[in-house]
Amino acid sequence: MIENTLDKLAEKILGLDEASLASLWDKYKTRMDNFDRSKEWEKAVVIFFIINAVRAKNHIFNEHIMQEERIAKTPPEKVIKKNKPDLRIIK
C-alpha cells in the first residue's frame, strides 16, 4: 500500500515543471526556516525537499545525457574500456 502510494506520488511529481517548482523554492525555504509546530510547517519542509529532489534528479539526468553524448562523439580508439583496468606487469 505504501509503495503504491509513493509510486503514484512520484508519477505526479515527475509531471511537474522544474521551472515552476524553482519559482516556489524561496517561498518554501523561507517557510521552512521559520519553524513552528504546525502541520503547515511540516508540509513546507516536505515540499521544499520535493523541489530539491526534482532539481537533483534533473541535474543527474542531464549529466548522464552529456556524458553519453561526449562518448558518442569520441573516436572509438579513444574510448576507454571500463572492463579492463590500465595495469602493467612489473618484474
N, C-alpha and C. Protein backbone atom coordinates (compact mmCIF):
# COMPACT_ATOMS: atom_id res chain seq x y z
N MET A 1 0.81 -1.20 0.00
CA MET A 1 0.00 0.00 0.00
C MET A 1 0.86 1.26 0.00
N ILE A 2 1.86 1.32 0.90
CA ILE A 2 2.72 2.49 0.97
C ILE A 2 3.51 2.64 -0.33
N GLU A 3 4.04 1.52 -0.81
CA GLU A 3 4.81 1.56 -2.05
C GLU A 3 3.96 2.07 -3.21
N ASN A 4 2.74 1.63 -3.29
CA ASN A 4 1.83 2.05 -4.34
C ASN A 4 1.55 3.56 -4.24
N THR A 5 1.36 4.04 -3.03
CA THR A 5 1.12 5.47 -2.81
C THR A 5 2.34 6.28 -3.22
N LEU A 6 3.52 5.82 -2.83
CA LEU A 6 4.75 6.53 -3.21
C LEU A 6 4.96 6.53 -4.72
N ASP A 7 4.63 5.42 -5.36
CA ASP A 7 4.76 5.33 -6.81
C ASP A 7 3.85 6.35 -7.49
N LYS A 8 2.62 6.47 -7.00
CA LYS A 8 1.68 7.44 -7.58
C LYS A 8 2.15 8.87 -7.33
N LEU A 9 2.68 9.13 -6.13
CA LEU A 9 3.22 10.47 -5.83
C LEU A 9 4.38 10.80 -6.76
N ALA A 10 5.28 9.84 -6.94
CA ALA A 10 6.43 10.07 -7.82
C ALA A 10 5.98 10.36 -9.24
N GLU A 11 4.98 9.63 -9.70
CA GLU A 11 4.45 9.85 -11.06
C GLU A 11 3.91 11.27 -11.20
N LYS A 12 3.18 11.73 -10.20
CA LYS A 12 2.64 13.09 -10.25
C LYS A 12 3.75 14.13 -10.18
N ILE A 13 4.73 13.90 -9.31
CA ILE A 13 5.84 14.84 -9.15
C ILE A 13 6.65 14.93 -10.43
N LEU A 14 6.87 13.80 -11.10
CA LEU A 14 7.63 13.81 -12.35
C LEU A 14 6.92 14.60 -13.44
N GLY A 15 5.63 14.77 -13.31
CA GLY A 15 4.87 15.54 -14.29
C GLY A 15 4.92 17.05 -14.05
N LEU A 16 5.53 17.46 -12.94
CA LEU A 16 5.61 18.89 -12.64
C LEU A 16 6.79 19.52 -13.37
N ASP A 17 6.62 20.77 -13.73
CA ASP A 17 7.64 21.53 -14.45
C ASP A 17 8.69 22.06 -13.47
N GLU A 18 9.97 21.79 -13.75
CA GLU A 18 11.04 22.22 -12.85
C GLU A 18 11.08 23.74 -12.71
N ALA A 19 10.85 24.47 -13.80
CA ALA A 19 10.88 25.93 -13.73
C ALA A 19 9.80 26.46 -12.80
N SER A 20 8.63 25.88 -12.86
CA SER A 20 7.54 26.29 -11.96
C SER A 20 7.90 25.96 -10.52
N LEU A 21 8.48 24.79 -10.31
CA LEU A 21 8.89 24.41 -8.96
C LEU A 21 9.99 25.34 -8.45
N ALA A 22 10.94 25.68 -9.30
CA ALA A 22 12.05 26.54 -8.90
C ALA A 22 11.56 27.91 -8.45
N SER A 23 10.49 28.38 -9.06
CA SER A 23 9.95 29.69 -8.67
C SER A 23 9.36 29.66 -7.26
N LEU A 24 9.05 28.46 -6.76
CA LEU A 24 8.50 28.31 -5.41
C LEU A 24 9.57 28.02 -4.36
N TRP A 25 10.81 27.80 -4.79
CA TRP A 25 11.88 27.38 -3.89
C TRP A 25 12.06 28.36 -2.73
N ASP A 26 12.19 29.66 -3.04
CA ASP A 26 12.41 30.67 -2.00
C ASP A 26 11.26 30.70 -0.99
N LYS A 27 10.05 30.61 -1.48
CA LYS A 27 8.88 30.64 -0.60
C LYS A 27 8.94 29.52 0.43
N TYR A 28 9.22 28.30 -0.03
CA TYR A 28 9.23 27.17 0.90
C TYR A 28 10.49 27.11 1.73
N LYS A 29 11.59 27.64 1.22
CA LYS A 29 12.82 27.73 2.02
C LYS A 29 12.59 28.68 3.19
N THR A 30 11.99 29.83 2.91
CA THR A 30 11.68 30.81 3.97
C THR A 30 10.72 30.22 4.99
N ARG A 31 9.69 29.55 4.50
CA ARG A 31 8.70 28.95 5.40
C ARG A 31 9.34 27.88 6.26
N MET A 32 10.23 27.08 5.67
CA MET A 32 10.91 26.03 6.41
C MET A 32 11.84 26.62 7.48
N ASP A 33 12.50 27.71 7.16
CA ASP A 33 13.42 28.36 8.11
C ASP A 33 12.69 28.95 9.32
N ASN A 34 11.41 29.26 9.17
CA ASN A 34 10.62 29.84 10.26
C ASN A 34 9.83 28.74 10.96
N PHE A 35 10.53 28.00 11.79
CA PHE A 35 9.94 26.84 12.45
C PHE A 35 8.77 27.22 13.34
N ASP A 36 7.74 26.42 13.26
CA ASP A 36 6.68 26.40 14.26
C ASP A 36 6.09 25.00 14.29
N ARG A 37 5.35 24.70 15.28
CA ARG A 37 4.83 23.33 15.47
C ARG A 37 3.49 23.18 14.76
N SER A 38 3.50 23.37 13.47
CA SER A 38 2.24 23.27 12.73
C SER A 38 2.37 22.28 11.59
N LYS A 39 1.23 21.81 11.15
CA LYS A 39 1.17 20.90 10.00
C LYS A 39 1.63 21.65 8.75
N GLU A 40 1.34 22.95 8.67
CA GLU A 40 1.74 23.76 7.51
C GLU A 40 3.27 23.81 7.40
N TRP A 41 3.96 23.94 8.55
CA TRP A 41 5.42 23.95 8.52
C TRP A 41 5.94 22.60 8.03
N GLU A 42 5.36 21.52 8.53
CA GLU A 42 5.79 20.18 8.11
C GLU A 42 5.59 19.99 6.61
N LYS A 43 4.46 20.44 6.09
CA LYS A 43 4.21 20.33 4.65
C LYS A 43 5.20 21.18 3.87
N ALA A 44 5.53 22.36 4.38
CA ALA A 44 6.50 23.23 3.70
C ALA A 44 7.86 22.54 3.59
N VAL A 45 8.27 21.84 4.63
CA VAL A 45 9.54 21.12 4.61
C VAL A 45 9.50 20.02 3.55
N VAL A 46 8.43 19.26 3.50
CA VAL A 46 8.30 18.18 2.51
C VAL A 46 8.29 18.77 1.10
N ILE A 47 7.56 19.84 0.89
CA ILE A 47 7.51 20.48 -0.44
C ILE A 47 8.88 20.99 -0.84
N PHE A 48 9.59 21.62 0.10
CA PHE A 48 10.95 22.11 -0.18
C PHE A 48 11.85 20.98 -0.66
N PHE A 49 11.79 19.85 0.01
CA PHE A 49 12.64 18.73 -0.38
C PHE A 49 12.17 18.05 -1.66
N ILE A 50 10.89 18.09 -1.95
CA ILE A 50 10.41 17.59 -3.23
C ILE A 50 10.98 18.44 -4.36
N ILE A 51 10.95 19.76 -4.19
CA ILE A 51 11.50 20.67 -5.20
C ILE A 51 12.98 20.35 -5.40
N ASN A 52 13.72 20.18 -4.31
CA ASN A 52 15.15 19.86 -4.43
C ASN A 52 15.37 18.49 -5.05
N ALA A 53 14.50 17.55 -4.77
CA ALA A 53 14.63 16.21 -5.35
C ALA A 53 14.47 16.26 -6.87
N VAL A 54 13.50 17.03 -7.34
CA VAL A 54 13.29 17.17 -8.79
C VAL A 54 14.50 17.84 -9.43
N ARG A 55 15.01 18.88 -8.78
CA ARG A 55 16.19 19.56 -9.30
C ARG A 55 17.40 18.63 -9.37
N ALA A 56 17.61 17.85 -8.30
CA ALA A 56 18.73 16.90 -8.26
C ALA A 56 18.56 15.83 -9.33
N LYS A 57 17.35 15.30 -9.47
CA LYS A 57 17.08 14.28 -10.49
C LYS A 57 17.40 14.81 -11.88
N ASN A 58 16.96 16.03 -12.17
CA ASN A 58 17.21 16.62 -13.49
C ASN A 58 18.70 16.88 -13.71
N HIS A 59 19.39 17.29 -12.67
CA HIS A 59 20.84 17.52 -12.78
C HIS A 59 21.56 16.20 -13.11
N ILE A 60 21.25 15.15 -12.38
CA ILE A 60 21.87 13.84 -12.62
C ILE A 60 21.52 13.35 -14.03
N PHE A 61 20.27 13.49 -14.42
CA PHE A 61 19.82 13.08 -15.74
C PHE A 61 20.61 13.81 -16.82
N ASN A 62 20.72 15.13 -16.69
CA ASN A 62 21.44 15.93 -17.69
C ASN A 62 22.92 15.58 -17.74
N GLU A 63 23.53 15.31 -16.59
CA GLU A 63 24.93 14.90 -16.55
C GLU A 63 25.14 13.61 -17.33
N HIS A 64 24.25 12.65 -17.16
CA HIS A 64 24.37 11.38 -17.87
C HIS A 64 24.16 11.56 -19.38
N ILE A 65 23.22 12.39 -19.75
CA ILE A 65 22.99 12.66 -21.18
C ILE A 65 24.23 13.29 -21.80
N MET A 66 24.81 14.28 -21.12
CA MET A 66 26.02 14.94 -21.65
C MET A 66 27.18 13.96 -21.75
N GLN A 67 27.32 13.08 -20.76
CA GLN A 67 28.39 12.08 -20.79
C GLN A 67 28.20 11.12 -21.96
N GLU A 68 26.96 10.68 -22.18
CA GLU A 68 26.69 9.79 -23.31
C GLU A 68 26.99 10.48 -24.63
N GLU A 69 26.66 11.75 -24.75
CA GLU A 69 26.94 12.50 -25.98
C GLU A 69 28.44 12.64 -26.20
N ARG A 70 29.20 12.90 -25.11
CA ARG A 70 30.66 13.01 -25.23
C ARG A 70 31.26 11.69 -25.70
N ILE A 71 30.78 10.59 -25.14
CA ILE A 71 31.29 9.26 -25.52
C ILE A 71 30.94 8.97 -26.98
N ALA A 72 29.74 9.33 -27.40
CA ALA A 72 29.32 9.09 -28.78
C ALA A 72 30.16 9.89 -29.77
N LYS A 73 30.63 11.06 -29.37
CA LYS A 73 31.44 11.91 -30.26
C LYS A 73 32.92 11.54 -30.24
N THR A 74 33.35 10.75 -29.24
CA THR A 74 34.76 10.37 -29.13
C THR A 74 35.07 9.26 -30.12
N PRO A 75 36.16 9.41 -30.86
CA PRO A 75 36.54 8.33 -31.80
C PRO A 75 36.73 7.01 -31.04
N PRO A 76 36.38 5.90 -31.67
CA PRO A 76 36.43 4.59 -30.98
C PRO A 76 37.77 4.26 -30.34
N GLU A 77 38.89 4.66 -30.95
CA GLU A 77 40.20 4.32 -30.38
C GLU A 77 40.49 5.08 -29.09
N LYS A 78 39.76 6.17 -28.84
CA LYS A 78 39.99 6.95 -27.63
C LYS A 78 39.02 6.60 -26.51
N VAL A 79 38.05 5.78 -26.77
CA VAL A 79 37.09 5.37 -25.73
C VAL A 79 37.79 4.41 -24.80
N ILE A 80 37.76 4.70 -23.52
CA ILE A 80 38.41 3.86 -22.52
C ILE A 80 37.46 2.73 -22.16
N LYS A 81 37.99 1.52 -22.23
CA LYS A 81 37.19 0.36 -21.87
C LYS A 81 37.13 0.27 -20.35
N LYS A 82 35.92 0.21 -19.80
CA LYS A 82 35.74 0.19 -18.36
C LYS A 82 36.04 -1.18 -17.75
N ASN A 83 35.96 -2.24 -18.55
CA ASN A 83 36.12 -3.59 -18.01
C ASN A 83 37.58 -3.95 -17.75
N LYS A 84 38.53 -3.30 -18.44
CA LYS A 84 39.93 -3.62 -18.27
C LYS A 84 40.65 -2.47 -17.56
N PRO A 85 41.23 -2.74 -16.41
CA PRO A 85 41.98 -1.68 -15.74
C PRO A 85 43.29 -1.43 -16.48
N ASP A 86 43.82 -0.26 -16.36
CA ASP A 86 45.07 0.12 -17.02
C ASP A 86 46.23 -0.29 -16.12
N LEU A 87 46.58 -1.58 -16.16
CA LEU A 87 47.64 -2.12 -15.30
C LEU A 87 48.74 -2.74 -16.16
N ARG A 88 49.98 -2.72 -15.62
CA ARG A 88 51.11 -3.35 -16.30
C ARG A 88 51.81 -4.29 -15.32
N ILE A 89 52.39 -5.35 -15.85
CA ILE A 89 53.14 -6.29 -15.03
C ILE A 89 54.55 -5.75 -14.86
N ILE A 90 54.98 -5.65 -13.61
CA ILE A 90 56.34 -5.16 -13.31
C ILE A 90 57.08 -6.28 -12.61
N LYS A 91 58.30 -6.60 -13.13
CA LYS A 91 59.10 -7.69 -12.54
C LYS A 91 60.22 -7.13 -11.73
